[in-house]
Amino acid sequence: MTSASQAAYQALRDYLNSLLSPTHPDQALVEVPSALRPSLEAFMRGKTEYQDEAGRRMIYAHDLAAWAGDLIHGAGLITPLPLATVDVAALRAATLRQAA
């Protein structure tokens, strides 16, 4: 694994692990890194979502945690995600937003 691939993998793991935090809030779908949105949208089929005051699709924190847990320990992504295409900076920024 190249150092760039390792950095992408670590950023992806850090992001998904941050969603498992019991203090993680609900999150707008548009705030989920774009590379992961299709997987989350597929996971959310048939589940309850809501809209915030700005009209953004919001995902409940417990659904985000279940999705992240499934990616980490279960089925994984529905389609492969080449690590070379991962926006490491966006994943790190999303992880930091959640920690704040």
N, C-alpha and C. Protein backbone atom coordinates (compact mmCIF):
# COMPACT_ATOMS: atom_id res chain seq x y z
N MET A 1 0.85 -1.17 0.00
CA MET A 1 0.00 0.00 0.00
C MET A 1 0.90 1.23 0.00
N THR A 2 0.60 2.17 -0.89
CA THR A 2 1.38 3.40 -0.95
C THR A 2 1.06 4.29 0.25
N SER A 3 1.90 5.27 0.48
CA SER A 3 1.64 6.16 1.61
C SER A 3 0.36 6.97 1.38
N ALA A 4 0.07 7.33 0.13
CA ALA A 4 -1.17 8.05 -0.17
C ALA A 4 -2.38 7.16 0.11
N SER A 5 -2.30 5.90 -0.27
CA SER A 5 -3.40 4.97 -0.01
C SER A 5 -3.57 4.74 1.48
N GLN A 6 -2.46 4.64 2.20
CA GLN A 6 -2.52 4.46 3.65
C GLN A 6 -3.18 5.67 4.31
N ALA A 7 -2.83 6.88 3.85
CA ALA A 7 -3.43 8.09 4.40
C ALA A 7 -4.93 8.13 4.12
N ALA A 8 -5.33 7.73 2.91
CA ALA A 8 -6.75 7.70 2.55
C ALA A 8 -7.50 6.68 3.41
N TYR A 9 -6.92 5.50 3.58
CA TYR A 9 -7.54 4.46 4.39
C TYR A 9 -7.71 4.94 5.84
N GLN A 10 -6.67 5.56 6.38
CA GLN A 10 -6.73 6.03 7.77
C GLN A 10 -7.77 7.13 7.92
N ALA A 11 -7.85 8.05 6.96
CA ALA A 11 -8.84 9.12 7.02
C ALA A 11 -10.26 8.54 6.95
N LEU A 12 -10.45 7.55 6.12
CA LEU A 12 -11.75 6.89 6.00
C LEU A 12 -12.12 6.20 7.30
N ARG A 13 -11.19 5.47 7.88
CA ARG A 13 -11.45 4.79 9.16
C ARG A 13 -11.75 5.79 10.27
N ASP A 14 -10.96 6.86 10.33
CA ASP A 14 -11.19 7.88 11.36
C ASP A 14 -12.58 8.49 11.23
N TYR A 15 -12.99 8.78 10.00
CA TYR A 15 -14.31 9.35 9.77
C TYR A 15 -15.40 8.38 10.23
N LEU A 16 -15.32 7.15 9.78
CA LEU A 16 -16.34 6.16 10.15
C LEU A 16 -16.36 5.91 11.65
N ASN A 17 -15.19 5.82 12.26
CA ASN A 17 -15.13 5.63 13.72
C ASN A 17 -15.75 6.81 14.47
N SER A 18 -15.59 8.03 13.93
CA SER A 18 -16.16 9.20 14.61
C SER A 18 -17.69 9.14 14.61
N LEU A 19 -18.27 8.47 13.61
CA LEU A 19 -19.73 8.33 13.57
C LEU A 19 -20.25 7.38 14.64
N LEU A 20 -19.38 6.55 15.18
CA LEU A 20 -19.79 5.59 16.21
C LEU A 20 -19.87 6.21 17.60
N SER A 21 -19.41 7.44 17.74
CA SER A 21 -19.42 8.11 19.04
C SER A 21 -20.86 8.29 19.53
N PRO A 22 -21.11 7.97 20.79
CA PRO A 22 -22.48 8.14 21.32
C PRO A 22 -22.92 9.60 21.40
N THR A 23 -21.98 10.53 21.30
CA THR A 23 -22.33 11.95 21.36
C THR A 23 -22.45 12.57 19.98
N HIS A 24 -22.30 11.78 18.93
CA HIS A 24 -22.38 12.31 17.58
C HIS A 24 -23.80 12.79 17.30
N PRO A 25 -23.95 14.01 16.74
CA PRO A 25 -25.29 14.54 16.47
C PRO A 25 -25.84 14.02 15.13
N ASP A 26 -27.11 14.29 14.89
CA ASP A 26 -27.68 14.05 13.57
C ASP A 26 -26.85 14.85 12.56
N GLN A 27 -26.88 14.42 11.32
CA GLN A 27 -26.03 15.07 10.32
C GLN A 27 -26.78 15.22 9.00
N ALA A 28 -26.53 16.33 8.32
CA ALA A 28 -27.11 16.54 6.99
C ALA A 28 -26.41 15.62 6.00
N LEU A 29 -27.19 15.07 5.09
CA LEU A 29 -26.62 14.18 4.08
C LEU A 29 -25.54 14.90 3.27
N VAL A 30 -25.72 16.17 2.99
CA VAL A 30 -24.73 16.90 2.19
C VAL A 30 -23.40 17.06 2.93
N GLU A 31 -23.38 16.85 4.24
CA GLU A 31 -22.14 16.94 5.00
C GLU A 31 -21.35 15.63 4.99
N VAL A 32 -21.97 14.56 4.52
CA VAL A 32 -21.27 13.29 4.40
C VAL A 32 -20.36 13.39 3.18
N PRO A 33 -19.09 13.01 3.30
CA PRO A 33 -18.20 13.10 2.15
C PRO A 33 -18.81 12.45 0.90
N SER A 34 -18.67 13.12 -0.22
CA SER A 34 -19.36 12.73 -1.45
C SER A 34 -19.07 11.30 -1.88
N ALA A 35 -17.89 10.80 -1.63
CA ALA A 35 -17.54 9.42 -2.03
C ALA A 35 -18.37 8.39 -1.26
N LEU A 36 -18.86 8.76 -0.08
CA LEU A 36 -19.61 7.83 0.76
C LEU A 36 -21.13 8.01 0.68
N ARG A 37 -21.58 9.10 0.07
CA ARG A 37 -23.02 9.39 0.02
C ARG A 37 -23.85 8.30 -0.65
N PRO A 38 -23.42 7.76 -1.80
CA PRO A 38 -24.25 6.71 -2.42
C PRO A 38 -24.47 5.51 -1.51
N SER A 39 -23.45 5.14 -0.77
CA SER A 39 -23.58 4.01 0.16
C SER A 39 -24.56 4.34 1.28
N LEU A 40 -24.47 5.56 1.83
CA LEU A 40 -25.39 5.96 2.89
C LEU A 40 -26.82 6.06 2.36
N GLU A 41 -26.99 6.61 1.17
CA GLU A 41 -28.34 6.71 0.59
C GLU A 41 -28.95 5.33 0.40
N ALA A 42 -28.15 4.36 -0.05
CA ALA A 42 -28.66 2.99 -0.20
C ALA A 42 -29.03 2.41 1.16
N PHE A 43 -28.21 2.65 2.17
CA PHE A 43 -28.48 2.16 3.52
C PHE A 43 -29.76 2.76 4.08
N MET A 44 -30.03 4.01 3.73
CA MET A 44 -31.17 4.74 4.31
C MET A 44 -32.50 4.41 3.64
N ARG A 45 -32.50 3.66 2.56
CA ARG A 45 -33.77 3.32 1.91
C ARG A 45 -34.71 2.66 2.91
N GLY A 46 -35.89 3.22 3.06
CA GLY A 46 -36.88 2.67 3.97
C GLY A 46 -36.74 3.15 5.41
N LYS A 47 -35.71 3.94 5.69
CA LYS A 47 -35.51 4.46 7.05
C LYS A 47 -36.01 5.91 7.12
N THR A 48 -36.26 6.36 8.32
CA THR A 48 -36.80 7.70 8.53
C THR A 48 -35.70 8.75 8.47
N GLU A 49 -35.96 9.79 7.72
CA GLU A 49 -35.11 10.98 7.67
C GLU A 49 -36.01 12.17 7.99
N TYR A 50 -35.40 13.32 8.15
CA TYR A 50 -36.18 14.55 8.33
C TYR A 50 -35.44 15.69 7.67
N GLN A 51 -36.06 16.83 7.57
CA GLN A 51 -35.43 18.02 7.01
C GLN A 51 -35.21 19.04 8.10
N ASP A 52 -34.06 19.70 8.03
CA ASP A 52 -33.80 20.77 9.00
C ASP A 52 -34.46 22.07 8.50
N GLU A 53 -34.24 23.16 9.21
CA GLU A 53 -34.86 24.43 8.86
C GLU A 53 -34.46 24.91 7.48
N ALA A 54 -33.27 24.51 7.01
CA ALA A 54 -32.78 24.92 5.69
C ALA A 54 -33.25 23.98 4.58
N GLY A 55 -34.01 22.95 4.95
CA GLY A 55 -34.51 22.01 3.96
C GLY A 55 -33.54 20.90 3.58
N ARG A 56 -32.46 20.78 4.35
CA ARG A 56 -31.48 19.72 4.07
C ARG A 56 -31.97 18.39 4.62
N ARG A 57 -31.67 17.30 3.89
CA ARG A 57 -32.00 15.96 4.37
C ARG A 57 -31.10 15.64 5.55
N MET A 58 -31.71 15.30 6.67
CA MET A 58 -30.96 15.01 7.89
C MET A 58 -31.05 13.52 8.19
N ILE A 59 -29.93 12.97 8.65
CA ILE A 59 -29.82 11.56 9.01
C ILE A 59 -29.66 11.48 10.53
N TYR A 60 -30.48 10.66 11.16
CA TYR A 60 -30.38 10.48 12.61
C TYR A 60 -29.03 9.87 12.98
N ALA A 61 -28.49 10.30 14.10
CA ALA A 61 -27.18 9.83 14.55
C ALA A 61 -27.13 8.32 14.70
N HIS A 62 -28.21 7.70 15.20
CA HIS A 62 -28.18 6.25 15.39
C HIS A 62 -28.14 5.53 14.04
N ASP A 63 -28.72 6.10 12.99
CA ASP A 63 -28.61 5.50 11.66
C ASP A 63 -27.20 5.67 11.10
N LEU A 64 -26.59 6.82 11.35
CA LEU A 64 -25.20 7.02 10.92
C LEU A 64 -24.28 6.01 11.60
N ALA A 65 -24.49 5.79 12.89
CA ALA A 65 -23.66 4.83 13.64
C ALA A 65 -23.87 3.41 13.10
N ALA A 66 -25.12 3.06 12.82
CA ALA A 66 -25.40 1.71 12.28
C ALA A 66 -24.76 1.53 10.92
N TRP A 67 -24.83 2.56 10.08
CA TRP A 67 -24.22 2.50 8.75
C TRP A 67 -22.70 2.37 8.86
N ALA A 68 -22.09 3.20 9.72
CA ALA A 68 -20.64 3.13 9.89
C ALA A 68 -20.22 1.77 10.43
N GLY A 69 -20.95 1.25 11.40
CA GLY A 69 -20.64 -0.07 11.94
C GLY A 69 -20.75 -1.16 10.89
N ASP A 70 -21.74 -1.03 10.02
CA ASP A 70 -21.90 -2.00 8.94
C ASP A 70 -20.74 -1.93 7.96
N LEU A 71 -20.28 -0.72 7.67
CA LEU A 71 -19.14 -0.57 6.76
C LEU A 71 -17.86 -1.14 7.37
N ILE A 72 -17.67 -0.88 8.64
CA ILE A 72 -16.43 -1.31 9.31
C ILE A 72 -16.44 -2.81 9.59
N HIS A 73 -17.54 -3.32 10.14
CA HIS A 73 -17.56 -4.70 10.64
C HIS A 73 -18.43 -5.64 9.83
N GLY A 74 -19.17 -5.11 8.87
CA GLY A 74 -20.13 -5.95 8.16
C GLY A 74 -19.90 -6.01 6.68
N ALA A 75 -20.88 -5.54 5.96
CA ALA A 75 -20.93 -5.72 4.51
C ALA A 75 -19.93 -4.86 3.74
N GLY A 76 -19.50 -3.76 4.31
CA GLY A 76 -18.61 -2.87 3.57
C GLY A 76 -19.40 -2.01 2.60
N LEU A 77 -18.69 -1.34 1.71
CA LEU A 77 -19.33 -0.47 0.72
C LEU A 77 -20.03 -1.29 -0.34
N ILE A 78 -21.12 -0.74 -0.90
CA ILE A 78 -21.86 -1.46 -1.94
C ILE A 78 -21.07 -1.51 -3.25
N THR A 79 -20.24 -0.51 -3.48
CA THR A 79 -19.32 -0.54 -4.63
C THR A 79 -17.93 -0.21 -4.12
N PRO A 80 -16.91 -0.78 -4.74
CA PRO A 80 -15.55 -0.50 -4.29
C PRO A 80 -15.22 0.99 -4.37
N LEU A 81 -14.43 1.44 -3.43
CA LEU A 81 -13.99 2.83 -3.39
C LEU A 81 -12.47 2.83 -3.53
N PRO A 82 -11.97 3.11 -4.74
CA PRO A 82 -10.52 3.14 -4.90
C PRO A 82 -9.91 4.21 -3.99
N LEU A 83 -8.94 3.83 -3.21
CA LEU A 83 -8.35 4.76 -2.26
C LEU A 83 -7.74 5.97 -2.95
N ALA A 84 -7.31 5.80 -4.19
CA ALA A 84 -6.71 6.92 -4.92
C ALA A 84 -7.73 8.02 -5.21
N THR A 85 -9.02 7.69 -5.16
CA THR A 85 -10.06 8.69 -5.44
C THR A 85 -10.58 9.36 -4.17
N VAL A 86 -10.14 8.93 -3.02
CA VAL A 86 -10.62 9.48 -1.75
C VAL A 86 -10.02 10.86 -1.52
N ASP A 87 -10.86 11.81 -1.19
CA ASP A 87 -10.43 13.16 -0.85
C ASP A 87 -10.07 13.17 0.64
N VAL A 88 -8.81 12.96 0.91
CA VAL A 88 -8.34 12.84 2.29
C VAL A 88 -8.64 14.11 3.08
N ALA A 89 -8.42 15.26 2.48
CA ALA A 89 -8.67 16.52 3.19
C ALA A 89 -10.14 16.66 3.56
N ALA A 90 -11.04 16.28 2.66
CA ALA A 90 -12.48 16.37 2.95
C ALA A 90 -12.87 15.43 4.08
N LEU A 91 -12.31 14.21 4.08
CA LEU A 91 -12.61 13.27 5.16
C LEU A 91 -12.09 13.78 6.49
N ARG A 92 -10.89 14.32 6.48
CA ARG A 92 -10.34 14.86 7.74
C ARG A 92 -11.16 16.04 8.23
N ALA A 93 -11.59 16.90 7.30
CA ALA A 93 -12.41 18.06 7.69
C ALA A 93 -13.74 17.59 8.27
N ALA A 94 -14.35 16.58 7.66
CA ALA A 94 -15.62 16.06 8.16
C ALA A 94 -15.44 15.45 9.54
N THR A 95 -14.35 14.77 9.76
CA THR A 95 -14.06 14.16 11.05
C THR A 95 -13.89 15.24 12.11
N LEU A 96 -13.17 16.30 11.76
CA LEU A 96 -12.96 17.40 12.70
C LEU A 96 -14.26 18.14 13.01
N ARG A 97 -15.13 18.32 12.01
CA ARG A 97 -16.44 18.96 12.24
C ARG A 97 -17.25 18.19 13.26
N GLN A 98 -17.17 16.88 13.18
CA GLN A 98 -17.94 16.04 14.09
C GLN A 98 -17.39 16.10 15.49
N ALA A 99 -16.10 16.28 15.62
CA ALA A 99 -15.47 16.30 16.93
C ALA A 99 -15.75 17.62 17.66
N ALA A 100 -16.08 18.64 16.89
CA ALA A 100 -16.29 19.97 17.48
C ALA A 100 -17.59 20.07 18.25
